[in-house]
Amino acid sequence: MRLLFFLVCLTCFSFASTQAKPLSFLCSWDNRRPITIELDTQTGKAKRSDGGSDYTLIKITEQAVWLSVDQHYTLAIQSIQRNKDKGGKWIDTIHFANRIPISISGGICWEQSE
């Protein structure tokens, strides 16, 4: 079931970049110390400055960025709303094999200019 969902996500959110330059976000979850998330649009990978799980880039649009969290036991998708004026929502949706998926919305990210 999890594999099927992942394949559907990949089909729906096929990797399509609106730009070929790297993106960087300064993000904070529940007002904790900010971290940086660096997205490499060429390789489709992203890294966190705090050493957390790496990401695979699913899709970038003018409105948001979707990332798959590289984990072994769950399917986790994070989305970062792109809002240059006041920061965008950072949402985590986690799908477990043996229970109902959960969605956590407690973060905010600011897109960093070059």
PDB file of N, CA and C in Angstrom:
ATOM      1  N   MET A   1       0.817  -1.189   0.000  1.00  0.00           N
ATOM      2  CA  MET A   1       0.000   0.000   0.000  1.00  0.00           C
ATOM      3  C   MET A   1       0.867   1.261   0.000  1.00  0.00           C
ATOM      4  N   ARG A   2       1.892   1.258   0.840  1.00  0.00           N
ATOM      5  CA  ARG A   2       2.785   2.408   0.910  1.00  0.00           C
ATOM      6  C   ARG A   2       3.499   2.627  -0.417  1.00  0.00           C
ATOM      7  N   LEU A   3       3.922   1.535  -1.033  1.00  0.00           N
ATOM      8  CA  LEU A   3       4.596   1.629  -2.324  1.00  0.00           C
ATOM      9  C   LEU A   3       3.650   2.202  -3.375  1.00  0.00           C
ATOM     10  N   LEU A   4       2.399   1.755  -3.352  1.00  0.00           N
ATOM     11  CA  LEU A   4       1.416   2.254  -4.300  1.00  0.00           C
ATOM     12  C   LEU A   4       1.215   3.757  -4.126  1.00  0.00           C
ATOM     13  N   PHE A   5       1.088   4.201  -2.871  1.00  0.00           N
ATOM     14  CA  PHE A   5       0.922   5.631  -2.609  1.00  0.00           C
ATOM     15  C   PHE A   5       2.123   6.417  -3.117  1.00  0.00           C
ATOM     16  N   PHE A   6       3.324   5.912  -2.858  1.00  0.00           N
ATOM     17  CA  PHE A   6       4.533   6.581  -3.309  1.00  0.00           C
ATOM     18  C   PHE A   6       4.569   6.686  -4.831  1.00  0.00           C
ATOM     19  N   LEU A   7       4.190   5.624  -5.519  1.00  0.00           N
ATOM     20  CA  LEU A   7       4.169   5.663  -6.984  1.00  0.00           C
ATOM     21  C   LEU A   7       3.140   6.662  -7.497  1.00  0.00           C
ATOM     22  N   VAL A   8       1.993   6.738  -6.825  1.00  0.00           N
ATOM     23  CA  VAL A   8       0.980   7.720  -7.216  1.00  0.00           C
ATOM     24  C   VAL A   8       1.513   9.132  -7.009  1.00  0.00           C
ATOM     25  N   CYS A   9       2.183   9.355  -5.866  1.00  0.00           N
ATOM     26  CA  CYS A   9       2.769  10.678  -5.609  1.00  0.00           C
ATOM     27  C   CYS A   9       3.787  11.047  -6.674  1.00  0.00           C
ATOM     28  N   LEU A  10       4.626  10.095  -7.028  1.00  0.00           N
ATOM     29  CA  LEU A  10       5.640  10.383  -8.051  1.00  0.00           C
ATOM     30  C   LEU A  10       4.999  10.713  -9.386  1.00  0.00           C
ATOM     31  N   THR A  11       3.907  10.025  -9.698  1.00  0.00           N
ATOM     32  CA  THR A  11       3.220  10.301 -10.943  1.00  0.00           C
ATOM     33  C   THR A  11       2.570  11.677 -10.912  1.00  0.00           C
ATOM     34  N   CYS A  12       1.898  11.983  -9.800  1.00  0.00           N
ATOM     35  CA  CYS A  12       1.201  13.267  -9.681  1.00  0.00           C
ATOM     36  C   CYS A  12       2.165  14.436  -9.575  1.00  0.00           C
ATOM     37  N   PHE A  13       3.256  14.232  -8.844  1.00  0.00           N
ATOM     38  CA  PHE A  13       4.200  15.308  -8.592  1.00  0.00           C
ATOM     39  C   PHE A  13       5.511  15.062  -9.325  1.00  0.00           C
ATOM     40  N   SER A  14       5.432  14.608 -10.565  1.00  0.00           N
ATOM     41  CA  SER A  14       6.657  14.320 -11.299  1.00  0.00           C
ATOM     42  C   SER A  14       7.606  15.495 -11.193  1.00  0.00           C
ATOM     43  N   PHE A  15       8.874  15.185 -11.010  1.00  0.00           N
ATOM     44  CA  PHE A  15       9.881  16.215 -10.752  1.00  0.00           C
ATOM     45  C   PHE A  15       9.913  17.194 -11.910  1.00  0.00           C
ATOM     46  N   ALA A  16       9.466  18.391 -11.631  1.00  0.00           N
ATOM     47  CA  ALA A  16       9.474  19.467 -12.621  1.00  0.00           C
ATOM     48  C   ALA A  16       9.915  20.731 -11.923  1.00  0.00           C
ATOM     49  N   SER A  17      11.020  21.240 -12.331  1.00  0.00           N
ATOM     50  CA  SER A  17      11.557  22.438 -11.692  1.00  0.00           C
ATOM     51  C   SER A  17      11.203  23.661 -12.509  1.00  0.00           C
ATOM     52  N   THR A  18      10.767  24.714 -11.812  1.00  0.00           N
ATOM     53  CA  THR A  18      10.486  25.958 -12.512  1.00  0.00           C
ATOM     54  C   THR A  18      11.757  26.773 -12.680  1.00  0.00           C
ATOM     55  N   GLN A  19      12.843  26.306 -12.073  1.00  0.00           N
ATOM     56  CA  GLN A  19      14.110  27.006 -12.184  1.00  0.00           C
ATOM     57  C   GLN A  19      15.241  26.011 -11.965  1.00  0.00           C
ATOM     58  N   ALA A  20      16.426  26.329 -12.474  1.00  0.00           N
ATOM     59  CA  ALA A  20      17.547  25.415 -12.375  1.00  0.00           C
ATOM     60  C   ALA A  20      18.576  25.854 -11.347  1.00  0.00           C
ATOM     61  N   LYS A  21      18.276  26.879 -10.574  1.00  0.00           N
ATOM     62  CA  LYS A  21      19.229  27.357  -9.580  1.00  0.00           C
ATOM     63  C   LYS A  21      18.931  26.732  -8.221  1.00  0.00           C
ATOM     64  N   PRO A  22      19.936  26.650  -7.349  1.00  0.00           N
ATOM     65  CA  PRO A  22      19.701  26.117  -6.006  1.00  0.00           C
ATOM     66  C   PRO A  22      18.746  27.023  -5.215  1.00  0.00           C
ATOM     67  N   LEU A  23      17.978  26.408  -4.325  1.00  0.00           N
ATOM     68  CA  LEU A  23      17.084  27.151  -3.453  1.00  0.00           C
ATOM     69  C   LEU A  23      17.502  26.921  -2.012  1.00  0.00           C
ATOM     70  N   SER A  24      17.269  27.913  -1.179  1.00  0.00           N
ATOM     71  CA  SER A  24      17.611  27.807   0.225  1.00  0.00           C
ATOM     72  C   SER A  24      16.476  28.389   1.061  1.00  0.00           C
ATOM     73  N   PHE A  25      16.119  27.692   2.130  1.00  0.00           N
ATOM     74  CA  PHE A  25      15.087  28.149   3.045  1.00  0.00           C
ATOM     75  C   PHE A  25      15.642  28.175   4.462  1.00  0.00           C
ATOM     76  N   LEU A  26      15.273  29.189   5.223  1.00  0.00           N
ATOM     77  CA  LEU A  26      15.566  29.255   6.648  1.00  0.00           C
ATOM     78  C   LEU A  26      14.259  28.874   7.338  1.00  0.00           C
ATOM     79  N   CYS A  27      14.267  27.766   8.105  1.00  0.00           N
ATOM     80  CA  CYS A  27      13.029  27.205   8.644  1.00  0.00           C
ATOM     81  C   CYS A  27      13.103  27.024  10.150  1.00  0.00           C
ATOM     82  N   SER A  28      11.953  27.188  10.792  1.00  0.00           N
ATOM     83  CA  SER A  28      11.841  26.981  12.232  1.00  0.00           C
ATOM     84  C   SER A  28      10.574  26.180  12.509  1.00  0.00           C
ATOM     85  N   TRP A  29      10.683  25.167  13.366  1.00  0.00           N
ATOM     86  CA  TRP A  29       9.532  24.351  13.743  1.00  0.00           C
ATOM     87  C   TRP A  29       9.151  24.702  15.172  1.00  0.00           C
ATOM     88  N   ASP A  30       7.916  25.125  15.388  1.00  0.00           N
ATOM     89  CA  ASP A  30       7.413  25.505  16.714  1.00  0.00           C
ATOM     90  C   ASP A  30       8.318  26.523  17.405  1.00  0.00           C
ATOM     91  N   ASN A  31       8.774  27.516  16.655  1.00  0.00           N
ATOM     92  CA  ASN A  31       9.610  28.614  17.166  1.00  0.00           C
ATOM     93  C   ASN A  31      10.940  28.154  17.750  1.00  0.00           C
ATOM     94  N   ARG A  32      11.418  26.992  17.334  1.00  0.00           N
ATOM     95  CA  ARG A  32      12.749  26.541  17.761  1.00  0.00           C
ATOM     96  C   ARG A  32      13.819  27.221  16.923  1.00  0.00           C
ATOM     97  N   ARG A  33      15.065  26.967  17.292  1.00  0.00           N
ATOM     98  CA  ARG A  33      16.195  27.538  16.569  1.00  0.00           C
ATOM     99  C   ARG A  33      16.100  27.208  15.071  1.00  0.00           C
ATOM    100  N   PRO A  34      16.264  28.202  14.202  1.00  0.00           N
ATOM    101  CA  PRO A  34      16.129  27.974  12.754  1.00  0.00           C
ATOM    102  C   PRO A  34      17.216  27.052  12.191  1.00  0.00           C
ATOM    103  N   ILE A  35      16.833  26.332  11.152  1.00  0.00           N
ATOM    104  CA  ILE A  35      17.770  25.509  10.387  1.00  0.00           C
ATOM    105  C   ILE A  35      17.696  25.971   8.935  1.00  0.00           C
ATOM    106  N   THR A  36      18.669  25.564   8.152  1.00  0.00           N
ATOM    107  CA  THR A  36      18.674  25.864   6.722  1.00  0.00           C
ATOM    108  C   THR A  36      18.387  24.575   5.957  1.00  0.00           C
ATOM    109  N   ILE A  37      17.528  24.665   4.958  1.00  0.00           N
ATOM    110  CA  ILE A  37      17.277  23.561   4.039  1.00  0.00           C
ATOM    111  C   ILE A  37      17.758  24.020   2.675  1.00  0.00           C
ATOM    112  N   GLU A  38      18.768  23.327   2.155  1.00  0.00           N
ATOM    113  CA  GLU A  38      19.364  23.655   0.858  1.00  0.00           C
ATOM    114  C   GLU A  38      18.871  22.650  -0.178  1.00  0.00           C
ATOM    115  N   LEU A  39      18.277  23.134  -1.262  1.00  0.00           N
ATOM    116  CA  LEU A  39      17.768  22.288  -2.338  1.00  0.00           C
ATOM    117  C   LEU A  39      18.661  22.420  -3.555  1.00  0.00           C
ATOM    118  N   ASP A  40      19.107  21.309  -4.071  1.00  0.00           N
ATOM    119  CA  ASP A  40      19.894  21.288  -5.300  1.00  0.00           C
ATOM    120  C   ASP A  40      18.962  20.842  -6.422  1.00  0.00           C
ATOM    121  N   THR A  41      18.525  21.790  -7.245  1.00  0.00           N
ATOM    122  CA  THR A  41      17.553  21.478  -8.286  1.00  0.00           C
ATOM    123  C   THR A  41      18.146  20.639  -9.418  1.00  0.00           C
ATOM    124  N   GLN A  42      19.452  20.592  -9.521  1.00  0.00           N
ATOM    125  CA  GLN A  42      20.097  19.770 -10.558  1.00  0.00           C
ATOM    126  C   GLN A  42      20.065  18.281 -10.202  1.00  0.00           C
ATOM    127  N   THR A  43      20.353  17.965  -8.938  1.00  0.00           N
ATOM    128  CA  THR A  43      20.406  16.554  -8.513  1.00  0.00           C
ATOM    129  C   THR A  43      19.081  16.070  -7.938  1.00  0.00           C
ATOM    130  N   GLY A  44      18.188  17.008  -7.577  1.00  0.00           N
ATOM    131  CA  GLY A  44      16.915  16.621  -6.982  1.00  0.00           C
ATOM    132  C   GLY A  44      17.044  16.211  -5.526  1.00  0.00           C
ATOM    133  N   LYS A  45      18.084  16.666  -4.849  1.00  0.00           N
ATOM    134  CA  LYS A  45      18.312  16.333  -3.438  1.00  0.00           C
ATOM    135  C   LYS A  45      18.300  17.594  -2.590  1.00  0.00           C
ATOM    136  N   ALA A  46      18.064  17.413  -1.307  1.00  0.00           N
ATOM    137  CA  ALA A  46      18.093  18.527  -0.366  1.00  0.00           C
ATOM    138  C   ALA A  46      18.664  18.050   0.954  1.00  0.00           C
ATOM    139  N   LYS A  47      19.315  18.960   1.663  1.00  0.00           N
ATOM    140  CA  LYS A  47      19.944  18.651   2.955  1.00  0.00           C
ATOM    141  C   LYS A  47      19.554  19.693   3.984  1.00  0.00           C
ATOM    142  N   ARG A  48      19.518  19.235   5.234  1.00  0.00           N
ATOM    143  CA  ARG A  48      19.233  20.113   6.372  1.00  0.00           C
ATOM    144  C   ARG A  48      20.528  20.445   7.093  1.00  0.00           C
ATOM    145  N   SER A  49      20.626  21.663   7.601  1.00  0.00           N
ATOM    146  CA  SER A  49      21.844  22.076   8.310  1.00  0.00           C
ATOM    147  C   SER A  49      21.973  21.435   9.688  1.00  0.00           C
ATOM    148  N   ASP A  50      20.877  20.891  10.227  1.00  0.00           N
ATOM    149  CA  ASP A  50      20.934  20.282  11.558  1.00  0.00           C
ATOM    150  C   ASP A  50      21.239  18.789  11.530  1.00  0.00           C
ATOM    151  N   GLY A  51      21.519  18.241  10.355  1.00  0.00           N
ATOM    152  CA  GLY A  51      21.846  16.826  10.252  1.00  0.00           C
ATOM    153  C   GLY A  51      20.641  15.911  10.203  1.00  0.00           C
ATOM    154  N   GLY A  52      19.432  16.467  10.102  1.00  0.00           N
ATOM    155  CA  GLY A  52      18.217  15.651   9.995  1.00  0.00           C
ATOM    156  C   GLY A  52      18.194  14.876   8.687  1.00  0.00           C
ATOM    157  N   SER A  53      17.136  14.114   8.491  1.00  0.00           N
ATOM    158  CA  SER A  53      17.006  13.273   7.294  1.00  0.00           C
ATOM    159  C   SER A  53      17.151  14.092   6.018  1.00  0.00           C
ATOM    160  N   ASP A  54      17.807  13.487   5.026  1.00  0.00           N
ATOM    161  CA  ASP A  54      17.914  14.121   3.718  1.00  0.00           C
ATOM    162  C   ASP A  54      16.563  14.030   3.007  1.00  0.00           C
ATOM    163  N   TYR A  55      16.428  14.789   1.932  1.00  0.00           N
ATOM    164  CA  TYR A  55      15.202  14.826   1.155  1.00  0.00           C
ATOM    165  C   TYR A  55      15.469  14.495  -0.300  1.00  0.00           C
ATOM    166  N   THR A  56      14.420  14.004  -0.961  1.00  0.00           N
ATOM    167  CA  THR A  56      14.395  13.902  -2.404  1.00  0.00           C
ATOM    168  C   THR A  56      13.362  14.906  -2.885  1.00  0.00           C
ATOM    169  N   LEU A  57      13.755  15.733  -3.811  1.00  0.00           N
ATOM    170  CA  LEU A  57      12.871  16.767  -4.328  1.00  0.00           C
ATOM    171  C   LEU A  57      11.804  16.139  -5.217  1.00  0.00           C
ATOM    172  N   ILE A  58      10.540  16.422  -4.924  1.00  0.00           N
ATOM    173  CA  ILE A  58       9.432  15.903  -5.733  1.00  0.00           C
ATOM    174  C   ILE A  58       9.030  16.923  -6.783  1.00  0.00           C
ATOM    175  N   LYS A  59       8.772  18.158  -6.329  1.00  0.00           N
ATOM    176  CA  LYS A  59       8.332  19.186  -7.279  1.00  0.00           C
ATOM    177  C   LYS A  59       8.562  20.574  -6.702  1.00  0.00           C
ATOM    178  N   ILE A  60       8.824  21.523  -7.601  1.00  0.00           N
ATOM    179  CA  ILE A  60       8.939  22.940  -7.255  1.00  0.00           C
ATOM    180  C   ILE A  60       7.967  23.703  -8.143  1.00  0.00           C
ATOM    181  N   THR A  61       7.161  24.558  -7.512  1.00  0.00           N
ATOM    182  CA  THR A  61       6.308  25.467  -8.266  1.00  0.00           C
ATOM    183  C   THR A  61       6.523  26.870  -7.696  1.00  0.00           C
ATOM    184  N   GLU A  62       5.866  27.835  -8.261  1.00  0.00           N
ATOM    185  CA  GLU A  62       5.947  29.200  -7.735  1.00  0.00           C
ATOM    186  C   GLU A  62       5.302  29.283  -6.350  1.00  0.00           C
ATOM    187  N   GLN A  63       4.376  28.364  -6.042  1.00  0.00           N
ATOM    188  CA  GLN A  63       3.650  28.401  -4.782  1.00  0.00           C
ATOM    189  C   GLN A  63       4.262  27.563  -3.670  1.00  0.00           C
ATOM    190  N   ALA A  64       4.941  26.474  -4.019  1.00  0.00           N
ATOM    191  CA  ALA A  64       5.423  25.561  -2.978  1.00  0.00           C
ATOM    192  C   ALA A  64       6.527  24.637  -3.494  1.00  0.00           C
ATOM    193  N   VAL A  65       7.179  23.991  -2.515  1.00  0.00           N
ATOM    194  CA  VAL A  65       8.184  22.962  -2.786  1.00  0.00           C
ATOM    195  C   VAL A  65       7.724  21.707  -2.052  1.00  0.00           C
ATOM    196  N   TRP A  66       7.762  20.547  -2.724  1.00  0.00           N
ATOM    197  CA  TRP A  66       7.399  19.278  -2.096  1.00  0.00           C
ATOM    198  C   TRP A  66       8.633  18.391  -2.020  1.00  0.00           C
ATOM    199  N   LEU A  67       8.855  17.819  -0.835  1.00  0.00           N
ATOM    200  CA  LEU A  67      10.027  16.984  -0.573  1.00  0.00           C
ATOM    201  C   LEU A  67       9.596  15.653   0.018  1.00  0.00           C
ATOM    202  N   SER A  68      10.261  14.589  -0.389  1.00  0.00           N
ATOM    203  CA  SER A  68      10.076  13.284   0.228  1.00  0.00           C
ATOM    204  C   SER A  68      11.213  13.094   1.227  1.00  0.00           C
ATOM    205  N   VAL A  69      10.868  12.789   2.468  1.00  0.00           N
ATOM    206  CA  VAL A  69      11.870  12.601   3.513  1.00  0.00           C
ATOM    207  C   VAL A  69      12.453  11.200   3.361  1.00  0.00           C
ATOM    208  N   ASP A  70      13.780  11.098   3.292  1.00  0.00           N
ATOM    209  CA  ASP A  70      14.440   9.808   3.102  1.00  0.00           C
ATOM    210  C   ASP A  70      14.460   9.033   4.423  1.00  0.00           C
ATOM    211  N   GLN A  71      13.427   8.194   4.604  1.00  0.00           N
ATOM    212  CA  GLN A  71      13.307   7.343   5.787  1.00  0.00           C
ATOM    213  C   GLN A  71      12.994   5.929   5.326  1.00  0.00           C
ATOM    214  N   HIS A  72      13.310   4.945   6.178  1.00  0.00           N
ATOM    215  CA  HIS A  72      13.119   3.553   5.786  1.00  0.00           C
ATOM    216  C   HIS A  72      11.752   2.987   6.154  1.00  0.00           C
ATOM    217  N   TYR A  73      11.131   3.457   7.225  1.00  0.00           N
ATOM    218  CA  TYR A  73       9.951   2.784   7.748  1.00  0.00           C
ATOM    219  C   TYR A  73       8.648   3.532   7.552  1.00  0.00           C
ATOM    220  N   THR A  74       8.704   4.752   7.088  1.00  0.00           N
ATOM    221  CA  THR A  74       7.494   5.522   6.838  1.00  0.00           C
ATOM    222  C   THR A  74       7.655   6.294   5.535  1.00  0.00           C
ATOM    223  N   LEU A  75       6.538   6.746   5.013  1.00  0.00           N
ATOM    224  CA  LEU A  75       6.554   7.635   3.867  1.00  0.00           C
ATOM    225  C   LEU A  75       6.202   9.018   4.399  1.00  0.00           C
ATOM    226  N   ALA A  76       7.120   9.942   4.311  1.00  0.00           N
ATOM    227  CA  ALA A  76       6.904  11.292   4.818  1.00  0.00           C
ATOM    228  C   ALA A  76       7.120  12.293   3.695  1.00  0.00           C
ATOM    229  N   ILE A  77       6.134  13.143   3.512  1.00  0.00           N
ATOM    230  CA  ILE A  77       6.199  14.202   2.509  1.00  0.00           C
ATOM    231  C   ILE A  77       6.158  15.534   3.248  1.00  0.00           C
ATOM    232  N   GLN A  78       7.083  16.420   2.945  1.00  0.00           N
ATOM    233  CA  GLN A  78       7.062  17.760   3.522  1.00  0.00           C
ATOM    234  C   GLN A  78       6.810  18.765   2.413  1.00  0.00           C
ATOM    235  N   SER A  79       6.008  19.764   2.745  1.00  0.00           N
ATOM    236  CA  SER A  79       5.785  20.844   1.783  1.00  0.00           C
ATOM    237  C   SER A  79       6.162  22.162   2.438  1.00  0.00           C
ATOM    238  N   ILE A  80       6.760  23.017   1.638  1.00  0.00           N
ATOM    239  CA  ILE A  80       7.144  24.349   2.082  1.00  0.00           C
ATOM    240  C   ILE A  80       6.443  25.346   1.162  1.00  0.00           C
ATOM    241  N   GLN A  81       5.573  26.141   1.745  1.00  0.00           N
ATOM    242  CA  GLN A  81       4.876  27.178   0.999  1.00  0.00           C
ATOM    243  C   GLN A  81       5.862  28.304   0.697  1.00  0.00           C
ATOM    244  N   ARG A  82       5.858  28.768  -0.533  1.00  0.00           N
ATOM    245  CA  ARG A  82       6.747  29.861  -0.919  1.00  0.00           C
ATOM    246  C   ARG A  82       5.984  31.172  -0.793  1.00  0.00           C
ATOM    247  N   ASN A  83       6.355  31.965   0.211  1.00  0.00           N
ATOM    248  CA  ASN A  83       5.727  33.256   0.451  1.00  0.00           C
ATOM    249  C   ASN A  83       6.839  34.233   0.806  1.00  0.00           C
ATOM    250  N   LYS A  84       7.259  35.006  -0.154  1.00  0.00           N
ATOM    251  CA  LYS A  84       8.408  35.890   0.037  1.00  0.00           C
ATOM    252  C   LYS A  84       8.133  37.017   1.038  1.00  0.00           C
ATOM    253  N   ASP A  85       6.873  37.377   1.228  1.00  0.00           N
ATOM    254  CA  ASP A  85       6.536  38.499   2.105  1.00  0.00           C
ATOM    255  C   ASP A  85       6.642  38.170   3.586  1.00  0.00           C
ATOM    256  N   LYS A  86       6.047  37.068   4.016  1.00  0.00           N
ATOM    257  CA  LYS A  86       5.992  36.790   5.448  1.00  0.00           C
ATOM    258  C   LYS A  86       6.367  35.360   5.826  1.00  0.00           C
ATOM    259  N   GLY A  87       6.964  34.625   4.941  1.00  0.00           N
ATOM    260  CA  GLY A  87       7.309  33.240   5.233  1.00  0.00           C
ATOM    261  C   GLY A  87       6.151  32.322   4.897  1.00  0.00           C
ATOM    262  N   GLY A  88       6.474  31.078   4.633  1.00  0.00           N
ATOM    263  CA  GLY A  88       5.446  30.119   4.241  1.00  0.00           C
ATOM    264  C   GLY A  88       5.348  28.969   5.225  1.00  0.00           C
ATOM    265  N   LYS A  89       4.218  28.291   5.212  1.00  0.00           N
ATOM    266  CA  LYS A  89       3.994  27.145   6.100  1.00  0.00           C
ATOM    267  C   LYS A  89       4.920  25.990   5.716  1.00  0.00           C
ATOM    268  N   TRP A  90       5.377  25.269   6.750  1.00  0.00           N
ATOM    269  CA  TRP A  90       6.204  24.062   6.578  1.00  0.00           C
ATOM    270  C   TRP A  90       5.390  22.929   7.175  1.00  0.00           C
ATOM    271  N   ILE A  91       4.898  22.034   6.335  1.00  0.00           N
ATOM    272  CA  ILE A  91       3.965  20.992   6.747  1.00  0.00           C
ATOM    273  C   ILE A  91       4.585  19.619   6.512  1.00  0.00           C
ATOM    274  N   ASP A  92       4.379  18.726   7.459  1.00  0.00           N
ATOM    275  CA  ASP A  92       4.892  17.360   7.413  1.00  0.00           C
ATOM    276  C   ASP A  92       3.711  16.392   7.403  1.00  0.00           C
ATOM    277  N   THR A  93       3.620  15.530   6.393  1.00  0.00           N
ATOM    278  CA  THR A  93       2.583  14.511   6.329  1.00  0.00           C
ATOM    279  C   THR A  93       3.276  13.149   6.359  1.00  0.00           C
ATOM    280  N   ILE A  94       2.912  12.332   7.349  1.00  0.00           N
ATOM    281  CA  ILE A  94       3.580  11.048   7.556  1.00  0.00           C
ATOM    282  C   ILE A  94       2.577   9.915   7.356  1.00  0.00           C
ATOM    283  N   HIS A  95       2.965   8.938   6.543  1.00  0.00           N
ATOM    284  CA  HIS A  95       2.135   7.771   6.263  1.00  0.00           C
ATOM    285  C   HIS A  95       2.811   6.548   6.878  1.00  0.00           C
ATOM    286  N   PHE A  96       2.095   5.883   7.777  1.00  0.00           N
ATOM    287  CA  PHE A  96       2.606   4.683   8.436  1.00  0.00           C
ATOM    288  C   PHE A  96       1.978   3.454   7.798  1.00  0.00           C
ATOM    289  N   ALA A  97       2.672   2.327   7.868  1.00  0.00           N
ATOM    290  CA  ALA A  97       2.148   1.095   7.306  1.00  0.00           C
ATOM    291  C   ALA A  97       0.980   0.539   8.115  1.00  0.00           C
ATOM    292  N   ASN A  98       0.951   0.822   9.415  1.00  0.00           N
ATOM    293  CA  ASN A  98      -0.040   0.177  10.267  1.00  0.00           C
ATOM    294  C   ASN A  98      -1.003   1.129  10.972  1.00  0.00           C
ATOM    295  N   ARG A  99      -1.088   2.399  10.556  1.00  0.00           N
ATOM    296  CA  ARG A  99      -2.060   3.307  11.159  1.00  0.00           C
ATOM    297  C   ARG A  99      -2.390   4.460  10.215  1.00  0.00           C
ATOM    298  N   ILE A 100      -3.298   5.301  10.634  1.00  0.00           N
ATOM    299  CA  ILE A 100      -3.789   6.408   9.820  1.00  0.00           C
ATOM    300  C   ILE A 100      -2.686   7.456   9.640  1.00  0.00           C
ATOM    301  N   PRO A 101      -2.552   8.019   8.448  1.00  0.00           N
ATOM    302  CA  PRO A 101      -1.555   9.087   8.230  1.00  0.00           C
ATOM    303  C   PRO A 101      -1.836  10.295   9.113  1.00  0.00           C
ATOM    304  N   ILE A 102      -0.787  11.021   9.454  1.00  0.00           N
ATOM    305  CA  ILE A 102      -0.938  12.238  10.235  1.00  0.00           C
ATOM    306  C   ILE A 102      -0.315  13.407   9.482  1.00  0.00           C
ATOM    307  N   SER A 103      -0.821  14.589   9.746  1.00  0.00           N
ATOM    308  CA  SER A 103      -0.279  15.805   9.157  1.00  0.00           C
ATOM    309  C   SER A 103       0.043  16.772  10.283  1.00  0.00           C
ATOM    310  N   ILE A 104       1.244  17.317  10.263  1.00  0.00           N
ATOM    311  CA  ILE A 104       1.701  18.232  11.302  1.00  0.00           C
ATOM    312  C   ILE A 104       2.049  19.557  10.637  1.00  0.00           C
ATOM    313  N   SER A 105       1.418  20.622  11.123  1.00  0.00           N
ATOM    314  CA  SER A 105       1.693  21.953  10.586  1.00  0.00           C
ATOM    315  C   SER A 105       2.162  22.838  11.738  1.00  0.00           C
ATOM    316  N   GLY A 106       3.461  22.980  11.887  1.00  0.00           N
ATOM    317  CA  GLY A 106       3.976  23.779  12.985  1.00  0.00           C
ATOM    318  C   GLY A 106       5.214  24.552  12.622  1.00  0.00           C
ATOM    319  N   GLY A 107       5.538  24.547  11.326  1.00  0.00           N
ATOM    320  CA  GLY A 107       6.768  25.202  10.918  1.00  0.00           C
ATOM    321  C   GLY A 107       6.521  26.366   9.991  1.00  0.00           C
ATOM    322  N   ILE A 108       7.555  27.191   9.881  1.00  0.00           N
ATOM    323  CA  ILE A 108       7.520  28.316   8.952  1.00  0.00           C
ATOM    324  C   ILE A 108       8.904  28.429   8.298  1.00  0.00           C
ATOM    325  N   CYS A 109       8.907  28.743   7.007  1.00  0.00           N
ATOM    326  CA  CYS A 109      10.155  28.867   6.261  1.00  0.00           C
ATOM    327  C   CYS A 109      10.180  30.179   5.489  1.00  0.00           C
ATOM    328  N   TRP A 110      11.364  30.753   5.446  1.00  0.00           N
ATOM    329  CA  TRP A 110      11.593  31.964   4.668  1.00  0.00           C
ATOM    330  C   TRP A 110      12.569  31.630   3.549  1.00  0.00           C
ATOM    331  N   GLU A 111      12.155  31.872   2.318  1.00  0.00           N
ATOM    332  CA  GLU A 111      13.035  31.614   1.182  1.00  0.00           C
ATOM    333  C   GLU A 111      14.155  32.638   1.203  1.00  0.00           C
ATOM    334  N   GLN A 112      15.394  32.166   1.088  1.00  0.00           N
ATOM    335  CA  GLN A 112      16.564  33.030   1.152  1.00  0.00           C
ATOM    336  C   GLN A 112      16.942  33.485  -0.255  1.00  0.00           C
ATOM    337  N   SER A 113      17.200  34.765  -0.405  1.00  0.00           N
ATOM    338  CA  SER A 113      17.629  35.281  -1.696  1.00  0.00           C
ATOM    339  C   SER A 113      19.112  35.015  -1.877  1.00  0.00           C
ATOM    340  N   GLU A 114      19.547  35.064  -3.102  1.00  0.00           N
ATOM    341  CA  GLU A 114      20.943  34.739  -3.408  1.00  0.00           C
ATOM    342  C   GLU A 114      21.888  35.788  -2.949  1.00  0.00           C
TER     343      GLU A 114
END
